[in-house]
């Protein structure tokens, strides 16, 4: 019978090196997102807005915010929408209608008809595109996607968020309770052990 002996110091050094390597892989590219606060929602490409012009049904319709952040409004043409809250967009449309003499003291409201979708990738049963609902968390998004696969990391995921046209998208780690925003791309990672 051959008996192997190993010094405890060597085992500790190997274990510490492995933990450091895993820790640097996990934290090197990802940052945690700040919680979503109660600020007003800002429109982005892909959102559908319902514009209601009171006492003028011909100027009331549903519009989709284009890739360059605009809507095409009748008689006004291109109106910038991305980055604006729905109330601010309503004020801009009303001011443009009044300044061009189209309507006298127009009353305009804007509401979100449909948010841009979220995307769920990775270790879920049905990855793909899903409709966004206000207050949606990572866990509710995974539920829409059929739940976690048996290989999934269930405690956190990676999210790519593009908050507005002026700033580039950024990637970060989110927890199960993190509130998502429209357009988020969530990736549920695979467990390795």
N, C-alpha and C. Protein backbone atom coordinates (compact mmCIF):
# COMPACT_ATOMS: atom_id res chain seq x y z
N UNK A 1 0.84 -1.17 0.00
CA UNK A 1 0.00 0.00 0.00
C UNK A 1 0.89 1.23 0.00
N UNK A 2 0.66 2.08 -0.96
CA UNK A 2 1.43 3.31 -1.07
C UNK A 2 0.64 4.40 -0.38
N UNK A 3 1.31 5.14 0.46
CA UNK A 3 0.65 6.20 1.20
C UNK A 3 1.20 7.55 0.75
N UNK A 4 0.31 8.41 0.34
CA UNK A 4 0.73 9.74 -0.10
C UNK A 4 0.49 10.71 1.03
N UNK A 5 1.42 11.58 1.20
CA UNK A 5 1.26 12.63 2.19
C UNK A 5 1.37 13.97 1.48
N UNK A 6 0.60 14.89 1.95
CA UNK A 6 0.59 16.21 1.35
C UNK A 6 0.61 17.22 2.47
N UNK A 7 1.40 18.20 2.32
CA UNK A 7 1.50 19.22 3.35
C UNK A 7 0.26 20.10 3.34
N UNK A 8 -0.28 20.43 4.51
CA UNK A 8 -1.47 21.28 4.56
C UNK A 8 -1.23 22.65 3.94
N UNK A 9 -0.06 23.20 4.04
CA UNK A 9 0.23 24.52 3.48
C UNK A 9 0.08 24.55 1.97
N UNK A 10 0.48 23.46 1.31
CA UNK A 10 0.35 23.39 -0.14
C UNK A 10 -1.12 23.34 -0.54
N UNK A 11 -1.93 22.58 0.18
CA UNK A 11 -3.36 22.50 -0.12
C UNK A 11 -4.02 23.86 0.05
N UNK A 12 -3.67 24.59 1.10
CA UNK A 12 -4.24 25.91 1.32
C UNK A 12 -3.84 26.88 0.20
N UNK A 13 -2.61 26.79 -0.25
CA UNK A 13 -2.14 27.68 -1.31
C UNK A 13 -2.88 27.39 -2.62
N UNK A 14 -3.09 26.11 -2.94
CA UNK A 14 -3.80 25.74 -4.15
C UNK A 14 -5.25 26.22 -4.07
N UNK A 15 -5.89 26.00 -2.92
CA UNK A 15 -7.28 26.42 -2.74
C UNK A 15 -7.42 27.93 -2.83
N UNK A 16 -6.52 28.68 -2.23
CA UNK A 16 -6.58 30.15 -2.26
C UNK A 16 -6.39 30.67 -3.68
N UNK A 17 -5.47 30.05 -4.42
CA UNK A 17 -5.23 30.46 -5.80
C UNK A 17 -6.48 30.21 -6.65
N UNK A 18 -7.11 29.07 -6.46
CA UNK A 18 -8.32 28.77 -7.23
C UNK A 18 -9.44 29.76 -6.90
N UNK A 19 -9.61 30.10 -5.62
CA UNK A 19 -10.64 31.06 -5.24
C UNK A 19 -10.36 32.44 -5.82
N UNK A 20 -9.12 32.86 -5.80
CA UNK A 20 -8.77 34.16 -6.38
C UNK A 20 -9.05 34.18 -7.88
N UNK A 21 -8.74 33.10 -8.56
CA UNK A 21 -8.99 33.03 -10.01
C UNK A 21 -10.48 33.10 -10.30
N UNK A 22 -11.29 32.35 -9.54
CA UNK A 22 -12.74 32.40 -9.75
C UNK A 22 -13.29 33.78 -9.42
N UNK A 23 -12.82 34.39 -8.36
CA UNK A 23 -13.29 35.71 -7.98
C UNK A 23 -12.97 36.77 -9.01
N UNK A 24 -11.78 36.70 -9.60
CA UNK A 24 -11.42 37.69 -10.61
C UNK A 24 -12.21 37.49 -11.89
N UNK A 25 -12.57 36.25 -12.22
CA UNK A 25 -13.40 36.02 -13.41
C UNK A 25 -14.79 36.58 -13.19
N UNK A 26 -15.33 36.40 -12.00
CA UNK A 26 -16.70 36.83 -11.75
C UNK A 26 -16.82 38.34 -11.65
N UNK A 27 -15.80 39.01 -11.13
CA UNK A 27 -15.95 40.45 -10.91
C UNK A 27 -15.25 41.31 -11.95
N UNK A 28 -14.52 40.71 -12.86
CA UNK A 28 -13.75 41.50 -13.81
C UNK A 28 -14.59 42.30 -14.80
N UNK A 29 -15.68 41.77 -15.28
CA UNK A 29 -16.43 42.46 -16.31
C UNK A 29 -17.80 42.94 -15.86
N UNK A 30 -18.21 42.56 -14.66
CA UNK A 30 -19.57 42.86 -14.25
C UNK A 30 -19.59 43.81 -13.07
N UNK A 31 -20.58 44.66 -13.05
CA UNK A 31 -20.83 45.56 -11.94
C UNK A 31 -22.29 45.43 -11.59
N UNK A 32 -22.62 45.71 -10.34
CA UNK A 32 -24.02 45.68 -9.95
C UNK A 32 -24.70 46.95 -10.42
N UNK A 33 -25.98 46.84 -10.76
CA UNK A 33 -26.76 48.00 -11.15
C UNK A 33 -27.32 48.68 -9.93
N UNK A 34 -27.46 49.98 -10.01
CA UNK A 34 -28.16 50.72 -8.96
C UNK A 34 -29.64 50.38 -9.06
N UNK A 35 -30.34 50.39 -7.93
CA UNK A 35 -31.77 50.09 -7.98
C UNK A 35 -32.53 51.11 -8.83
N UNK A 36 -33.59 50.64 -9.48
CA UNK A 36 -34.43 51.52 -10.29
C UNK A 36 -35.24 52.36 -9.32
N UNK A 37 -35.16 53.67 -9.48
CA UNK A 37 -35.91 54.54 -8.57
C UNK A 37 -37.26 54.89 -9.17
N UNK A 38 -38.01 55.71 -8.50
CA UNK A 38 -39.36 56.04 -8.93
C UNK A 38 -39.42 57.18 -9.94
N UNK A 39 -38.31 57.45 -10.61
CA UNK A 39 -38.29 58.57 -11.56
C UNK A 39 -39.24 58.30 -12.72
N UNK A 40 -39.56 59.35 -13.44
CA UNK A 40 -40.46 59.23 -14.59
C UNK A 40 -39.80 58.36 -15.66
N UNK A 41 -40.60 57.58 -16.31
CA UNK A 41 -40.11 56.72 -17.38
C UNK A 41 -39.76 57.56 -18.59
N UNK A 42 -38.63 57.26 -19.21
CA UNK A 42 -38.20 57.97 -20.41
C UNK A 42 -38.36 57.05 -21.62
N UNK A 43 -38.97 57.58 -22.65
CA UNK A 43 -39.25 56.80 -23.85
C UNK A 43 -37.97 56.42 -24.57
N UNK A 44 -38.04 55.33 -25.30
CA UNK A 44 -36.91 54.87 -26.10
C UNK A 44 -37.39 54.20 -27.36
N UNK A 45 -36.46 53.91 -28.29
CA UNK A 45 -36.84 53.26 -29.55
C UNK A 45 -37.58 51.95 -29.30
N UNK A 46 -38.69 51.77 -30.00
CA UNK A 46 -39.49 50.57 -29.86
C UNK A 46 -40.71 50.75 -28.98
N UNK A 47 -40.74 51.78 -28.15
CA UNK A 47 -41.93 52.05 -27.34
C UNK A 47 -43.07 52.51 -28.25
N UNK A 48 -44.28 52.12 -27.91
CA UNK A 48 -45.45 52.62 -28.62
C UNK A 48 -46.19 53.58 -27.68
N UNK A 49 -46.50 54.77 -28.19
CA UNK A 49 -47.20 55.77 -27.39
C UNK A 49 -48.54 56.10 -28.02
N UNK A 50 -49.52 56.33 -27.17
CA UNK A 50 -50.84 56.75 -27.63
C UNK A 50 -50.94 58.25 -27.36
N UNK A 51 -51.08 59.02 -28.43
CA UNK A 51 -51.21 60.48 -28.31
C UNK A 51 -52.69 60.81 -28.48
N UNK A 52 -53.25 61.48 -27.48
CA UNK A 52 -54.66 61.87 -27.52
C UNK A 52 -54.72 63.39 -27.58
N UNK A 53 -55.27 63.90 -28.66
CA UNK A 53 -55.48 65.34 -28.84
C UNK A 53 -56.97 65.58 -28.65
N UNK A 54 -57.33 66.19 -27.54
CA UNK A 54 -58.75 66.36 -27.20
C UNK A 54 -59.47 67.23 -28.23
N UNK A 55 -60.68 66.80 -28.57
CA UNK A 55 -61.55 67.47 -29.54
C UNK A 55 -60.97 67.47 -30.96
N UNK A 56 -60.01 66.60 -31.22
CA UNK A 56 -59.49 66.45 -32.58
C UNK A 56 -59.04 65.00 -32.80
N UNK A 57 -59.99 64.11 -33.08
CA UNK A 57 -59.64 62.69 -33.23
C UNK A 57 -58.70 62.40 -34.40
N UNK A 58 -58.63 63.31 -35.38
CA UNK A 58 -57.73 63.08 -36.50
C UNK A 58 -56.26 63.20 -36.09
N UNK A 59 -55.99 63.88 -35.00
CA UNK A 59 -54.62 64.01 -34.50
C UNK A 59 -54.35 63.08 -33.33
N UNK A 60 -55.25 62.15 -33.07
CA UNK A 60 -55.06 61.16 -32.00
C UNK A 60 -54.77 59.81 -32.65
N UNK A 61 -53.68 59.17 -32.19
CA UNK A 61 -53.30 57.90 -32.78
C UNK A 61 -52.22 57.27 -31.91
N UNK A 62 -51.83 56.05 -32.28
CA UNK A 62 -50.73 55.35 -31.63
C UNK A 62 -49.52 55.41 -32.54
N UNK A 63 -48.37 55.76 -31.96
CA UNK A 63 -47.13 55.93 -32.72
C UNK A 63 -46.03 55.09 -32.09
N UNK A 64 -45.13 54.59 -32.92
CA UNK A 64 -43.96 53.85 -32.44
C UNK A 64 -42.74 54.75 -32.52
N UNK A 65 -41.98 54.79 -31.44
CA UNK A 65 -40.74 55.57 -31.42
C UNK A 65 -39.74 54.85 -32.32
N UNK A 66 -39.23 55.56 -33.33
CA UNK A 66 -38.34 54.95 -34.33
C UNK A 66 -36.95 54.69 -33.74
N UNK A 67 -36.11 54.01 -34.52
CA UNK A 67 -34.75 53.71 -34.08
C UNK A 67 -33.93 54.95 -33.78
N UNK A 68 -34.23 56.07 -34.47
CA UNK A 68 -33.49 57.30 -34.21
C UNK A 68 -34.18 58.16 -33.14
N UNK A 69 -35.24 57.63 -32.50
CA UNK A 69 -35.83 58.30 -31.36
C UNK A 69 -36.96 59.26 -31.65
N UNK A 70 -37.54 59.21 -32.84
CA UNK A 70 -38.58 60.16 -33.22
C UNK A 70 -39.91 59.47 -33.46
N UNK A 71 -40.99 60.28 -33.47
CA UNK A 71 -42.28 59.81 -33.98
C UNK A 71 -42.67 60.73 -35.13
N UNK A 72 -43.42 60.21 -36.08
CA UNK A 72 -43.93 61.01 -37.20
C UNK A 72 -45.36 61.40 -36.88
N UNK A 73 -45.55 62.67 -36.53
CA UNK A 73 -46.86 63.15 -36.11
C UNK A 73 -47.52 63.91 -37.25
N UNK A 74 -48.83 63.67 -37.50
CA UNK A 74 -49.51 64.37 -38.60
C UNK A 74 -49.43 65.89 -38.45
N UNK A 75 -49.20 66.56 -39.54
CA UNK A 75 -49.10 68.02 -39.66
C UNK A 75 -47.85 68.61 -39.00
N UNK A 76 -47.18 67.88 -38.14
CA UNK A 76 -45.95 68.38 -37.52
C UNK A 76 -44.71 67.74 -38.11
N UNK A 77 -44.86 66.52 -38.60
CA UNK A 77 -43.70 65.81 -39.13
C UNK A 77 -42.96 65.09 -38.02
N UNK A 78 -41.63 65.15 -38.05
CA UNK A 78 -40.79 64.43 -37.10
C UNK A 78 -40.75 65.16 -35.76
N UNK A 79 -41.10 64.44 -34.69
CA UNK A 79 -41.07 65.00 -33.34
C UNK A 79 -40.13 64.13 -32.50
N UNK A 80 -39.08 64.70 -31.90
CA UNK A 80 -38.19 63.92 -31.04
C UNK A 80 -38.95 63.38 -29.83
N UNK A 81 -38.77 62.07 -29.53
CA UNK A 81 -39.50 61.45 -28.43
C UNK A 81 -38.58 60.73 -27.45
N UNK A 82 -37.51 60.09 -27.94
CA UNK A 82 -36.63 59.31 -27.06
C UNK A 82 -35.98 60.21 -26.03
N UNK A 83 -35.95 59.71 -24.80
CA UNK A 83 -35.35 60.46 -23.70
C UNK A 83 -36.35 61.37 -23.00
N UNK A 84 -37.54 61.51 -23.55
CA UNK A 84 -38.57 62.36 -22.95
C UNK A 84 -39.52 61.51 -22.12
N UNK A 85 -40.01 62.08 -21.03
CA UNK A 85 -41.10 61.45 -20.30
C UNK A 85 -42.37 61.66 -21.11
N UNK A 86 -43.38 60.80 -20.96
CA UNK A 86 -44.62 60.98 -21.73
C UNK A 86 -45.24 62.37 -21.55
N UNK A 87 -45.23 62.91 -20.35
CA UNK A 87 -45.78 64.24 -20.12
C UNK A 87 -45.02 65.33 -20.86
N UNK A 88 -43.69 65.21 -20.91
CA UNK A 88 -42.87 66.19 -21.63
C UNK A 88 -43.14 66.12 -23.13
N UNK A 89 -43.34 64.90 -23.65
CA UNK A 89 -43.66 64.75 -25.07
C UNK A 89 -45.01 65.40 -25.38
N UNK A 90 -45.98 65.22 -24.49
CA UNK A 90 -47.30 65.84 -24.67
C UNK A 90 -47.19 67.36 -24.72
N UNK A 91 -46.37 67.93 -23.84
CA UNK A 91 -46.18 69.39 -23.82
C UNK A 91 -45.51 69.86 -25.11
N UNK A 92 -44.52 69.10 -25.61
CA UNK A 92 -43.83 69.47 -26.84
C UNK A 92 -44.80 69.47 -28.02
N UNK A 93 -45.63 68.41 -28.12
CA UNK A 93 -46.59 68.33 -29.23
C UNK A 93 -47.60 69.47 -29.14
N UNK A 94 -48.12 69.76 -27.95
CA UNK A 94 -49.09 70.85 -27.77
C UNK A 94 -48.47 72.18 -28.15
N UNK A 95 -47.24 72.42 -27.73
CA UNK A 95 -46.57 73.68 -28.05
C UNK A 95 -46.35 73.81 -29.56
N UNK A 96 -45.95 72.71 -30.23
CA UNK A 96 -45.74 72.75 -31.68
C UNK A 96 -47.05 72.98 -32.43
N UNK A 97 -48.13 72.34 -31.97
CA UNK A 97 -49.44 72.54 -32.62
C UNK A 97 -49.89 73.99 -32.48
N UNK A 98 -49.66 74.59 -31.31
CA UNK A 98 -50.06 75.99 -31.09
C UNK A 98 -49.16 76.95 -31.87
N UNK A 99 -47.84 76.72 -31.85
CA UNK A 99 -46.92 77.66 -32.51
C UNK A 99 -47.09 77.66 -34.03
N UNK A 100 -47.52 76.55 -34.60
CA UNK A 100 -47.72 76.49 -36.05
C UNK A 100 -49.15 76.88 -36.44
N UNK A 101 -49.95 77.25 -35.46
CA UNK A 101 -51.31 77.71 -35.74
C UNK A 101 -52.26 76.61 -36.16
N UNK A 102 -51.92 75.36 -35.85
CA UNK A 102 -52.78 74.24 -36.24
C UNK A 102 -53.99 74.14 -35.31
N UNK A 103 -53.76 74.31 -34.01
CA UNK A 103 -54.83 74.29 -33.02
C UNK A 103 -54.64 75.47 -32.06
N UNK A 104 -55.75 76.00 -31.57
CA UNK A 104 -55.70 77.07 -30.58
C UNK A 104 -55.82 76.43 -29.20
N UNK A 105 -54.86 76.63 -28.34
CA UNK A 105 -54.78 76.05 -26.99
C UNK A 105 -55.06 74.54 -27.01
N UNK A 106 -54.22 73.78 -27.68
CA UNK A 106 -54.45 72.33 -27.75
C UNK A 106 -54.24 71.66 -26.39
N UNK A 107 -55.01 70.63 -26.16
CA UNK A 107 -54.87 69.81 -24.96
C UNK A 107 -54.45 68.42 -25.42
N UNK A 108 -53.23 68.04 -25.08
CA UNK A 108 -52.65 66.79 -25.57
C UNK A 108 -52.19 65.96 -24.38
N UNK A 109 -52.44 64.66 -24.45
CA UNK A 109 -51.87 63.74 -23.45
C UNK A 109 -51.18 62.60 -24.18
N UNK A 110 -50.17 62.05 -23.53
CA UNK A 110 -49.42 60.92 -24.09
C UNK A 110 -49.36 59.84 -23.04
N UNK A 111 -49.71 58.63 -23.44
CA UNK A 111 -49.59 57.48 -22.54
C UNK A 111 -48.86 56.37 -23.27
N UNK A 112 -48.24 55.49 -22.51
CA UNK A 112 -47.50 54.39 -23.12
C UNK A 112 -48.48 53.27 -23.46
N UNK A 113 -48.58 52.95 -24.73
CA UNK A 113 -49.47 51.88 -25.18
C UNK A 113 -48.79 50.52 -25.03
N UNK A 114 -47.49 50.47 -25.33
CA UNK A 114 -46.73 49.23 -25.19
C UNK A 114 -45.26 49.57 -25.00
N UNK A 115 -44.66 48.98 -23.96
CA UNK A 115 -43.24 49.17 -23.71
C UNK A 115 -42.43 48.33 -24.68
N UNK A 116 -41.18 48.72 -24.91
CA UNK A 116 -40.32 47.87 -25.72
C UNK A 116 -40.05 46.59 -24.93
N UNK A 117 -39.82 45.47 -25.61
CA UNK A 117 -39.71 44.18 -24.92
C UNK A 117 -38.40 44.01 -24.18
N UNK A 118 -38.37 42.98 -23.35
CA UNK A 118 -37.12 42.53 -22.72
C UNK A 118 -36.74 41.22 -23.40
N UNK A 119 -35.48 40.82 -23.23
CA UNK A 119 -34.97 39.60 -23.83
C UNK A 119 -34.34 38.76 -22.73
N UNK A 120 -34.62 37.46 -22.75
CA UNK A 120 -34.08 36.55 -21.75
C UNK A 120 -33.33 35.45 -22.48
N UNK A 121 -32.05 35.31 -22.15
CA UNK A 121 -31.17 34.34 -22.80
C UNK A 121 -30.56 33.39 -21.78
N UNK A 122 -29.92 32.36 -22.27
CA UNK A 122 -29.15 31.48 -21.40
C UNK A 122 -29.97 30.33 -20.85
N UNK A 123 -29.73 30.02 -19.59
CA UNK A 123 -30.26 28.81 -18.97
C UNK A 123 -31.69 28.98 -18.44
N UNK A 124 -32.60 29.26 -19.37
CA UNK A 124 -34.04 29.25 -19.09
C UNK A 124 -34.68 28.30 -20.10
N UNK A 125 -35.86 27.81 -19.78
CA UNK A 125 -36.49 26.81 -20.64
C UNK A 125 -36.95 27.35 -21.99
N UNK A 126 -37.32 28.63 -22.05
CA UNK A 126 -37.79 29.20 -23.32
C UNK A 126 -37.18 30.58 -23.52
N UNK A 127 -35.89 30.65 -23.91
CA UNK A 127 -35.28 31.96 -24.12
C UNK A 127 -35.96 32.70 -25.26
N UNK A 128 -35.93 34.04 -25.18
CA UNK A 128 -36.52 34.82 -26.25
C UNK A 128 -36.95 36.20 -25.81
N UNK A 129 -37.84 36.79 -26.59
CA UNK A 129 -38.35 38.14 -26.38
C UNK A 129 -39.67 38.06 -25.64
N UNK A 130 -39.84 38.93 -24.62
CA UNK A 130 -41.07 38.92 -23.83
C UNK A 130 -41.55 40.35 -23.60
N UNK A 131 -42.87 40.55 -23.49
CA UNK A 131 -43.37 41.90 -23.24
C UNK A 131 -42.99 42.37 -21.84
N UNK A 132 -42.63 43.63 -21.74
CA UNK A 132 -42.26 44.23 -20.46
C UNK A 132 -43.52 44.71 -19.73
N UNK A 133 -43.52 44.54 -18.42
CA UNK A 133 -44.56 45.08 -17.56
C UNK A 133 -43.88 45.86 -16.45
N UNK A 134 -44.38 47.04 -16.08
CA UNK A 134 -43.76 47.81 -14.99
C UNK A 134 -43.67 46.98 -13.71
N UNK A 135 -42.54 47.10 -13.03
CA UNK A 135 -42.31 46.37 -11.79
C UNK A 135 -41.76 44.97 -11.99
N UNK A 136 -41.52 44.56 -13.23
CA UNK A 136 -41.00 43.23 -13.52
C UNK A 136 -39.60 43.07 -12.94
N UNK A 137 -39.35 41.94 -12.30
CA UNK A 137 -38.03 41.64 -11.75
C UNK A 137 -37.36 40.55 -12.57
N UNK A 138 -36.11 40.27 -12.26
CA UNK A 138 -35.40 39.20 -12.95
C UNK A 138 -36.15 37.88 -12.75
N UNK A 139 -36.65 37.64 -11.54
CA UNK A 139 -37.33 36.37 -11.25
C UNK A 139 -38.65 36.26 -12.01
N UNK A 140 -39.42 37.33 -12.13
CA UNK A 140 -40.67 37.25 -12.89
C UNK A 140 -40.39 37.09 -14.38
N UNK A 141 -39.29 37.67 -14.86
CA UNK A 141 -38.91 37.49 -16.27
C UNK A 141 -38.54 36.03 -16.53
N UNK A 142 -37.82 35.42 -15.60
CA UNK A 142 -37.46 34.01 -15.75
C UNK A 142 -38.71 33.14 -15.72
N UNK A 143 -39.68 33.50 -14.89
CA UNK A 143 -40.94 32.75 -14.86
C UNK A 143 -41.65 32.81 -16.22
N UNK A 144 -41.64 34.00 -16.87
CA UNK A 144 -42.22 34.11 -18.20
C UNK A 144 -41.51 33.19 -19.19
N UNK A 145 -40.21 33.02 -19.00
CA UNK A 145 -39.40 32.22 -19.92
C UNK A 145 -39.42 30.73 -19.55
N UNK A 146 -40.36 30.31 -18.73
CA UNK A 146 -40.51 28.89 -18.43
C UNK A 146 -39.68 28.39 -17.27
N UNK A 147 -39.04 29.29 -16.54
CA UNK A 147 -38.25 28.89 -15.38
C UNK A 147 -36.81 28.55 -15.73
N UNK A 148 -36.04 28.29 -14.69
CA UNK A 148 -34.62 27.95 -14.84
C UNK A 148 -34.46 26.53 -15.35
N UNK A 149 -33.40 26.26 -16.11
CA UNK A 149 -33.02 24.89 -16.44
C UNK A 149 -32.29 24.31 -15.23
N UNK A 150 -32.03 23.03 -15.24
CA UNK A 150 -31.34 22.40 -14.11
C UNK A 150 -29.88 22.85 -14.00
N UNK A 151 -29.32 23.44 -15.07
CA UNK A 151 -27.93 23.89 -15.06
C UNK A 151 -27.78 25.35 -14.68
N UNK A 152 -28.87 26.06 -14.39
CA UNK A 152 -28.83 27.50 -14.24
C UNK A 152 -28.27 27.95 -12.90
N UNK A 153 -27.58 29.09 -12.93
CA UNK A 153 -27.24 29.82 -11.71
C UNK A 153 -28.52 30.57 -11.35
N UNK A 154 -29.08 30.29 -10.19
CA UNK A 154 -30.40 30.84 -9.87
C UNK A 154 -30.35 32.08 -8.97
N UNK A 155 -29.20 32.43 -8.45
CA UNK A 155 -29.11 33.56 -7.53
C UNK A 155 -28.90 34.91 -8.17
N UNK A 156 -28.40 34.94 -9.39
CA UNK A 156 -28.14 36.20 -10.08
C UNK A 156 -28.08 35.95 -11.59
N UNK A 157 -28.04 37.03 -12.35
CA UNK A 157 -27.92 36.95 -13.81
C UNK A 157 -27.14 38.17 -14.28
N UNK A 158 -26.86 38.22 -15.56
CA UNK A 158 -26.19 39.36 -16.17
C UNK A 158 -27.23 40.13 -16.98
N UNK A 159 -27.15 41.46 -16.93
CA UNK A 159 -28.11 42.29 -17.65
C UNK A 159 -27.35 43.32 -18.48
N UNK A 160 -27.77 43.47 -19.73
CA UNK A 160 -27.25 44.54 -20.58
C UNK A 160 -28.37 45.56 -20.69
N UNK A 161 -28.07 46.80 -20.27
CA UNK A 161 -29.08 47.85 -20.20
C UNK A 161 -28.65 49.03 -21.06
N UNK A 162 -29.58 49.52 -21.86
CA UNK A 162 -29.35 50.69 -22.71
C UNK A 162 -30.38 51.73 -22.32
N UNK A 163 -30.01 52.65 -21.43
CA UNK A 163 -30.99 53.57 -20.85
C UNK A 163 -31.41 54.70 -21.77
N UNK A 164 -30.53 55.19 -22.63
CA UNK A 164 -30.92 56.24 -23.55
C UNK A 164 -29.99 56.23 -24.76
N UNK A 165 -30.33 57.04 -25.77
CA UNK A 165 -29.55 57.06 -27.01
C UNK A 165 -28.20 57.74 -26.84
N UNK A 166 -28.05 58.58 -25.80
CA UNK A 166 -26.83 59.35 -25.64
C UNK A 166 -25.70 58.55 -24.98
N UNK A 167 -26.03 57.51 -24.24
CA UNK A 167 -25.00 56.74 -23.54
C UNK A 167 -24.95 55.32 -24.08
N UNK A 168 -23.76 54.71 -24.08
CA UNK A 168 -23.67 53.33 -24.56
C UNK A 168 -24.29 52.36 -23.56
N UNK A 169 -24.64 51.19 -24.04
CA UNK A 169 -25.19 50.15 -23.17
C UNK A 169 -24.13 49.73 -22.16
N UNK A 170 -24.56 49.31 -20.98
CA UNK A 170 -23.62 48.78 -20.00
C UNK A 170 -24.14 47.46 -19.45
N UNK A 171 -23.20 46.66 -18.98
CA UNK A 171 -23.50 45.32 -18.50
C UNK A 171 -23.24 45.25 -17.02
N UNK A 172 -24.10 44.53 -16.32
CA UNK A 172 -23.92 44.40 -14.88
C UNK A 172 -24.62 43.17 -14.35
N UNK A 173 -24.30 42.84 -13.12
CA UNK A 173 -24.90 41.69 -12.46
C UNK A 173 -26.15 42.15 -11.72
N UNK A 174 -27.20 41.36 -11.82
CA UNK A 174 -28.44 41.68 -11.13
C UNK A 174 -28.85 40.49 -10.26
N UNK A 175 -29.60 40.79 -9.21
CA UNK A 175 -30.10 39.73 -8.33
C UNK A 175 -31.51 39.35 -8.76
N UNK A 176 -32.08 38.39 -8.08
CA UNK A 176 -33.43 37.92 -8.40
C UNK A 176 -34.47 39.01 -8.22
N UNK A 177 -34.24 39.95 -7.30
CA UNK A 177 -35.21 40.99 -6.98
C UNK A 177 -35.00 42.27 -7.77
N UNK A 178 -33.98 42.34 -8.60
CA UNK A 178 -33.69 43.56 -9.36
C UNK A 178 -34.83 43.88 -10.32
N UNK A 179 -35.30 45.12 -10.27
CA UNK A 179 -36.36 45.56 -11.17
C UNK A 179 -35.75 45.84 -12.54
N UNK A 180 -36.37 45.28 -13.57
CA UNK A 180 -35.87 45.45 -14.93
C UNK A 180 -36.46 46.70 -15.58
N UNK A 181 -35.82 47.13 -16.65
CA UNK A 181 -36.31 48.23 -17.46
C UNK A 181 -36.59 47.72 -18.86
N UNK A 182 -37.47 48.38 -19.61
CA UNK A 182 -37.73 47.95 -20.98
C UNK A 182 -36.44 47.93 -21.81
N UNK A 183 -36.31 46.92 -22.65
CA UNK A 183 -35.13 46.79 -23.50
C UNK A 183 -33.99 46.02 -22.86
N UNK A 184 -34.10 45.65 -21.57
CA UNK A 184 -33.04 44.90 -20.90
C UNK A 184 -32.83 43.55 -21.57
N UNK A 185 -31.58 43.10 -21.62
CA UNK A 185 -31.23 41.78 -22.13
C UNK A 185 -30.62 41.01 -20.96
N UNK A 186 -31.37 40.04 -20.44
CA UNK A 186 -30.98 39.28 -19.26
C UNK A 186 -30.41 37.94 -19.71
N UNK A 187 -29.24 37.59 -19.19
CA UNK A 187 -28.63 36.30 -19.49
C UNK A 187 -28.47 35.51 -18.20
N UNK A 188 -29.12 34.36 -18.12
CA UNK A 188 -28.99 33.46 -16.97
C UNK A 188 -27.82 32.55 -17.28
N UNK A 189 -26.84 32.54 -16.40
CA UNK A 189 -25.60 31.81 -16.64
C UNK A 189 -25.72 30.34 -16.25
N UNK A 190 -24.76 29.55 -16.75
CA UNK A 190 -24.71 28.12 -16.47
C UNK A 190 -23.80 27.86 -15.29
N UNK A 191 -24.21 26.91 -14.42
CA UNK A 191 -23.36 26.47 -13.32
C UNK A 191 -22.25 25.57 -13.87
N UNK A 192 -21.08 25.67 -13.26
CA UNK A 192 -19.98 24.81 -13.69
C UNK A 192 -19.69 23.70 -12.70
N UNK A 193 -20.26 23.79 -11.51
CA UNK A 193 -20.08 22.71 -10.54
C UNK A 193 -21.22 22.70 -9.57
